[in-house]
Amino acid sequence: MNICAGIVLFNPEIERLNENIEDIRKQVPMVILVDNGSSNLEDVKSLIYDLPNIILLENGKNLGIAQALNRILRKAQKEHYEWVLTLDQDSVSTDGLIREYRDFLENCSEKNIGCLTCNIVDRNFSLEKRETGFEDIDYCITSGSLMNVEITLSVGGFDESMFIDKVDCDVCINLRQHGYRIVRIAYEGLLHEIGHAKQINLGFRKWELYNHSSFRRYYMCRNASYLLRKYHNGYVFKMFLKEIFQFFLVLLFEEDKKEKAGKSIKGFFDGFKASPACSKG
């Protein structure tokens, strides 16, 4: 079972990237880096200069995370890898992550698994976790996901028209619509951070504030509308409503409200106007 890893780069914090690479390159025979026009690319090159089995692919400019992920998939396929672990540049995998994924796949008789994920430890707060065994889920984030290369490419890969944000949601929906499973195993395999997040008490529950930039707010809202137009299902509708609620949380609790509100509203309208990409059947 051939497994490699891939990391998308855009102005990475070098010390964190070094930690990321050092942890994963002990577990896989090859790490594929795709750089989206980083201003500190020379620092990246210096970091990996004498490291074996590191491939750096340069886009020259920021073409979006979806394009970079597809480039990782195609390179993994060309190098004859069956699976690729996708990582954010600031995520750090635990030492046993690939071992746990490999053990699960070797003991699983079913062949329709499109993606594996694990329990994720957020530096700000914990995400939903499973304590034992494994379970089928609707969605997982890209970082820490073990993607079946052939299957993911066969359904069209990542939707490059989305650029950034919710590209992971799209590929998960697409995989499930084609009959493939998204499975989470009960292993804490990734240390991750989603924005500069904090929790607030509102009503009878806690809500998360991520303090994303206005640029990110645009694509979050744009792609929520875009996915609603693309798929027309209950899961995406709930996600869209959650993004609307998040919009009001931004207005109430975050800084730069006017700029973020303007970008969010524009994003919602632009997403409904965009023509959805067709997934392969």
Protein backbone atom coordinates (compact mmCIF):
# COMPACT_ATOMS: atom_id res chain seq x y z
CA MET A 1 0.00 0.00 0.00
CA ASN A 2 1.78 3.11 -1.26
CA ILE A 3 1.19 6.29 0.76
CA CYS A 4 2.77 9.72 0.28
CA ALA A 5 1.99 13.15 1.72
CA GLY A 6 1.24 16.53 0.18
CA ILE A 7 1.33 20.06 1.61
CA VAL A 8 0.03 23.27 0.01
CA LEU A 9 2.18 26.32 0.79
CA PHE A 10 1.36 30.02 0.83
CA ASN A 11 3.70 32.26 2.85
CA PRO A 12 4.26 29.54 5.46
CA GLU A 13 5.67 30.22 8.91
CA ILE A 14 8.99 28.42 8.45
CA GLU A 15 9.43 27.05 11.96
CA ARG A 16 5.95 25.49 11.95
CA LEU A 17 6.44 24.16 8.42
CA ASN A 18 9.71 22.56 9.50
CA GLU A 19 7.90 20.80 12.35
CA ASN A 20 5.21 19.66 9.94
CA ILE A 21 7.68 18.25 7.40
CA GLU A 22 9.91 16.61 9.99
CA ASP A 23 7.00 14.74 11.57
CA ILE A 24 5.48 13.44 8.34
CA ARG A 25 8.62 12.61 6.37
CA LYS A 26 9.46 9.97 9.01
CA GLN A 27 6.26 8.17 8.08
CA VAL A 28 6.09 8.33 4.27
CA PRO A 29 8.63 7.80 1.46
CA MET A 30 7.76 11.05 -0.32
CA VAL A 31 6.42 14.51 0.56
CA ILE A 32 5.04 16.70 -2.27
CA LEU A 33 5.01 20.45 -1.70
CA VAL A 34 3.05 22.79 -3.96
CA ASP A 35 3.84 26.47 -3.49
CA ASN A 36 1.20 29.06 -4.38
CA GLY A 37 3.50 32.04 -4.95
CA SER A 38 4.94 32.43 -1.44
CA SER A 39 6.94 35.59 -0.80
CA ASN A 40 9.32 33.51 1.36
CA LEU A 41 9.85 30.73 -1.18
CA GLU A 42 13.64 31.01 -0.85
CA ASP A 43 13.31 30.24 2.87
CA VAL A 44 11.26 27.16 1.97
CA LYS A 45 13.94 26.05 -0.49
CA SER A 46 16.64 26.52 2.14
CA LEU A 47 14.60 24.48 4.63
CA ILE A 48 14.26 21.47 2.32
CA TYR A 49 17.60 21.83 0.48
CA ASP A 50 19.28 18.72 1.86
CA LEU A 51 16.17 16.69 2.72
CA PRO A 52 15.68 13.50 0.66
CA ASN A 53 12.42 12.59 -1.05
CA ILE A 54 10.92 16.09 -0.93
CA ILE A 55 9.41 17.36 -4.19
CA LEU A 56 8.70 21.08 -4.57
CA LEU A 57 6.30 22.16 -7.32
CA GLU A 58 6.05 25.91 -7.92
CA ASN A 59 2.88 27.56 -9.19
CA GLY A 60 4.52 30.99 -9.38
CA LYS A 61 1.38 32.71 -8.09
CA ASN A 62 -1.58 31.89 -5.89
CA LEU A 63 -3.82 29.62 -7.97
CA GLY A 64 -5.89 28.52 -4.98
CA ILE A 65 -5.80 25.55 -2.66
CA ALA A 66 -8.04 23.40 -4.89
CA GLN A 67 -5.68 23.67 -7.87
CA ALA A 68 -2.69 22.91 -5.64
CA LEU A 69 -4.40 19.86 -4.14
CA ASN A 70 -5.22 18.55 -7.61
CA ARG A 71 -1.59 19.02 -8.58
CA ILE A 72 -0.57 16.96 -5.55
CA LEU A 73 -3.01 14.22 -6.55
CA ARG A 74 -1.74 14.12 -10.13
CA LYS A 75 1.88 14.02 -9.00
CA ALA A 76 1.10 11.23 -6.53
CA GLN A 77 -0.60 9.28 -9.32
CA LYS A 78 2.37 9.82 -11.64
CA GLU A 79 4.69 8.49 -8.92
CA HIS A 80 2.41 5.43 -8.50
CA TYR A 81 1.07 6.22 -5.04
CA GLU A 82 -2.36 4.85 -4.14
CA TRP A 83 -3.05 7.21 -1.24
CA VAL A 84 -1.95 10.74 -0.33
CA LEU A 85 -2.14 12.41 3.07
CA THR A 86 -3.11 16.06 2.56
CA LEU A 87 -1.83 18.52 5.16
CA ASP A 88 -2.15 22.24 5.79
CA GLN A 89 1.18 23.99 6.07
CA ASP A 90 0.69 24.68 9.79
CA SER A 91 -0.70 21.28 10.82
CA VAL A 92 1.45 18.71 12.59
CA SER A 93 0.73 14.98 12.40
CA THR A 94 1.39 12.57 15.25
CA ASP A 95 4.08 9.92 14.85
CA GLY A 96 1.62 7.05 14.44
CA LEU A 97 -0.88 8.57 12.01
CA ILE A 98 0.17 6.71 8.87
CA ARG A 99 0.52 3.46 10.83
CA GLU A 100 -3.05 3.79 12.11
CA TYR A 101 -4.42 4.56 8.65
CA ARG A 102 -2.49 1.67 7.14
CA ASP A 103 -3.68 -0.76 9.82
CA PHE A 104 -7.29 0.24 9.24
CA LEU A 105 -7.08 -0.15 5.47
CA GLU A 106 -5.29 -3.49 5.68
CA ASN A 107 -8.01 -4.86 7.98
CA CYS A 108 -10.93 -3.39 6.03
CA SER A 109 -12.51 -5.69 3.48
CA GLU A 110 -14.52 -2.95 1.74
CA LYS A 111 -12.99 -1.21 -1.28
CA ASN A 112 -15.24 1.85 -1.51
CA ILE A 113 -13.38 4.15 0.88
CA GLY A 114 -12.60 7.49 -0.75
CA CYS A 115 -11.13 9.24 2.25
CA LEU A 116 -9.97 8.52 5.80
CA THR A 117 -9.70 11.06 8.58
CA CYS A 118 -8.90 10.97 12.29
CA ASN A 119 -9.65 12.78 15.54
CA ILE A 120 -8.20 16.28 15.29
CA VAL A 121 -6.82 18.27 18.22
CA ASP A 122 -7.37 21.97 17.58
CA ARG A 123 -4.90 24.36 19.20
CA ASN A 124 -7.85 26.56 20.18
CA PHE A 125 -10.39 23.90 21.18
CA SER A 126 -11.26 20.31 20.35
CA LEU A 127 -13.27 19.32 17.32
CA GLU A 128 -15.82 16.53 17.43
CA LYS A 129 -14.08 13.22 18.13
CA ARG A 130 -14.89 9.54 18.20
CA GLU A 131 -13.50 7.63 21.16
CA THR A 132 -13.39 4.05 19.82
CA GLY A 133 -13.55 2.21 16.52
CA PHE A 134 -14.54 4.10 13.38
CA GLU A 135 -17.58 5.73 11.81
CA ASP A 136 -18.83 7.00 8.48
CA ILE A 137 -19.15 10.79 8.41
CA ASP A 138 -20.47 13.37 5.95
CA TYR A 139 -17.49 15.69 5.89
CA CYS A 140 -13.90 16.14 7.03
CA ILE A 141 -11.35 18.91 6.68
CA THR A 142 -8.57 18.49 4.13
CA SER A 143 -5.71 18.54 6.62
CA GLY A 144 -5.05 15.06 7.97
CA SER A 145 -7.19 13.38 5.31
CA LEU A 146 -5.88 10.29 3.55
CA MET A 147 -7.27 10.54 0.03
CA ASN A 148 -7.58 7.63 -2.38
CA VAL A 149 -5.75 9.08 -5.37
CA GLU A 150 -7.46 7.16 -8.18
CA ILE A 151 -10.95 7.51 -6.71
CA THR A 152 -10.62 11.24 -5.98
CA LEU A 153 -9.32 12.01 -9.45
CA SER A 154 -11.98 9.81 -11.05
CA VAL A 155 -14.80 11.94 -9.59
CA GLY A 156 -13.15 15.18 -10.73
CA GLY A 157 -10.83 15.99 -7.83
CA PHE A 158 -11.14 19.33 -6.07
CA ASP A 159 -13.32 22.04 -7.63
CA GLU A 160 -10.81 24.68 -8.70
CA SER A 161 -13.48 27.34 -9.23
CA MET A 162 -13.85 27.51 -5.43
CA PHE A 163 -10.22 28.69 -4.94
CA ILE A 164 -10.23 28.39 -1.13
CA ASP A 165 -12.69 27.50 1.66
CA LYS A 166 -15.16 24.62 1.59
CA VAL A 167 -13.22 22.79 -1.13
CA ASP A 168 -13.01 19.95 1.40
CA CYS A 169 -16.78 20.00 1.85
CA ASP A 170 -17.26 19.82 -1.91
CA VAL A 171 -14.95 16.87 -2.47
CA CYS A 172 -16.56 14.94 0.40
CA ILE A 173 -20.07 15.48 -0.97
CA ASN A 174 -18.88 14.51 -4.43
CA LEU A 175 -17.22 11.32 -3.18
CA ARG A 176 -20.35 10.28 -1.26
CA GLN A 177 -22.62 11.01 -4.21
CA HIS A 178 -20.49 8.60 -6.23
CA GLY A 179 -20.92 5.89 -3.60
CA TYR A 180 -17.63 6.29 -1.72
CA ARG A 181 -17.23 6.47 2.04
CA ILE A 182 -15.66 9.12 4.29
CA VAL A 183 -14.45 7.30 7.41
CA ARG A 184 -13.10 8.69 10.67
CA ILE A 185 -10.95 6.47 12.87
CA ALA A 186 -10.65 6.93 16.63
CA TYR A 187 -7.08 8.18 16.73
CA GLU A 188 -5.79 11.63 17.65
CA GLY A 189 -3.62 12.05 14.60
CA LEU A 190 -3.35 15.77 13.92
CA LEU A 191 -2.56 18.99 15.75
CA HIS A 192 -4.35 21.74 13.85
CA GLU A 193 -5.53 25.34 14.14
CA ILE A 194 -8.55 26.92 12.46
CA GLY A 195 -7.97 30.67 12.28
CA HIS A 196 -7.51 32.63 15.49
CA ALA A 197 -10.52 31.00 17.06
CA LYS A 198 -12.25 31.52 20.36
CA GLN A 199 -15.55 30.42 21.87
CA ILE A 200 -18.35 32.64 23.10
CA ASN A 201 -21.48 31.84 25.10
CA LEU A 202 -24.65 32.80 23.27
CA GLY A 203 -28.02 31.46 24.26
CA PHE A 204 -27.81 27.90 25.54
CA ARG A 205 -24.63 26.88 23.76
CA LYS A 206 -21.13 27.89 22.81
CA TRP A 207 -20.30 29.28 19.37
CA GLU A 208 -16.97 29.61 17.63
CA LEU A 209 -15.53 32.86 16.32
CA TYR A 210 -12.69 32.37 13.84
CA ASN A 211 -11.70 35.98 13.12
CA HIS A 212 -10.94 35.30 9.48
CA SER A 213 -9.94 38.12 7.15
CA SER A 214 -12.45 39.82 4.87
CA PHE A 215 -10.81 37.93 1.97
CA ARG A 216 -11.63 34.61 3.64
CA ARG A 217 -15.11 35.79 4.64
CA TYR A 218 -15.82 36.48 0.96
CA TYR A 219 -14.92 32.94 -0.12
CA MET A 220 -16.69 31.31 2.83
CA CYS A 221 -19.94 33.02 1.90
CA ARG A 222 -19.39 32.76 -1.84
CA ASN A 223 -18.75 29.02 -1.68
CA ALA A 224 -21.63 28.37 0.71
CA SER A 225 -23.98 29.84 -1.91
CA TYR A 226 -22.12 28.09 -4.72
CA LEU A 227 -22.44 24.66 -3.08
CA LEU A 228 -26.13 25.22 -2.38
CA ARG A 229 -26.66 25.85 -6.08
CA LYS A 230 -24.43 22.92 -7.05
CA TYR A 231 -25.91 20.16 -4.88
CA HIS A 232 -29.41 21.10 -3.61
CA ASN A 233 -29.32 18.81 -0.57
CA GLY A 234 -30.16 19.12 3.11
CA TYR A 235 -26.57 18.93 4.32
CA VAL A 236 -25.48 21.87 2.14
CA PHE A 237 -28.58 23.85 3.12
CA LYS A 238 -27.66 23.48 6.81
CA MET A 239 -24.12 24.58 6.02
CA PHE A 240 -25.49 27.62 4.19
CA LEU A 241 -27.69 28.56 7.17
CA LYS A 242 -24.71 28.15 9.48
CA GLU A 243 -22.72 30.57 7.30
CA ILE A 244 -25.54 33.13 7.52
CA PHE A 245 -25.53 32.79 11.30
CA GLN A 246 -21.74 33.14 11.31
CA PHE A 247 -22.20 36.36 9.34
CA PHE A 248 -24.29 37.81 12.18
CA LEU A 249 -21.74 36.65 14.75
CA VAL A 250 -19.09 38.56 12.81
CA LEU A 251 -21.28 41.69 12.91
CA LEU A 252 -21.79 41.33 16.65
CA PHE A 253 -18.40 40.27 17.94
CA GLU A 254 -15.52 40.68 15.47
CA GLU A 255 -13.44 43.65 14.38
CA ASP A 256 -13.53 45.24 10.91
CA LYS A 257 -17.27 44.60 10.76
CA LYS A 258 -18.00 46.91 7.82
CA GLU A 259 -15.36 45.44 5.52
CA LYS A 260 -16.17 41.84 6.45
CA ALA A 261 -19.91 42.46 6.05
CA GLY A 262 -19.43 43.96 2.60
CA LYS A 263 -17.24 41.10 1.44
CA SER A 264 -19.63 38.52 2.92
CA ILE A 265 -22.69 39.96 1.17
CA LYS A 266 -20.83 40.15 -2.13
CA GLY A 267 -19.72 36.55 -1.62
CA PHE A 268 -23.28 35.31 -1.07
CA PHE A 269 -24.48 36.96 -4.30
CA ASP A 270 -21.44 35.93 -6.37
CA GLY A 271 -21.87 32.30 -5.30
CA PHE A 272 -25.44 32.19 -6.55
CA LYS A 273 -24.35 33.69 -9.89
CA ALA A 274 -21.43 31.28 -10.44
CA SER A 275 -21.90 28.29 -12.75
CA PRO A 276 -21.23 25.06 -10.80
CA ALA A 277 -18.52 22.78 -12.15
CA CYS A 278 -19.71 19.36 -13.26
CA SER A 279 -18.32 16.40 -11.33
CA LYS A 280 -17.37 13.26 -13.22
CA GLY A 281 -19.72 10.33 -13.08
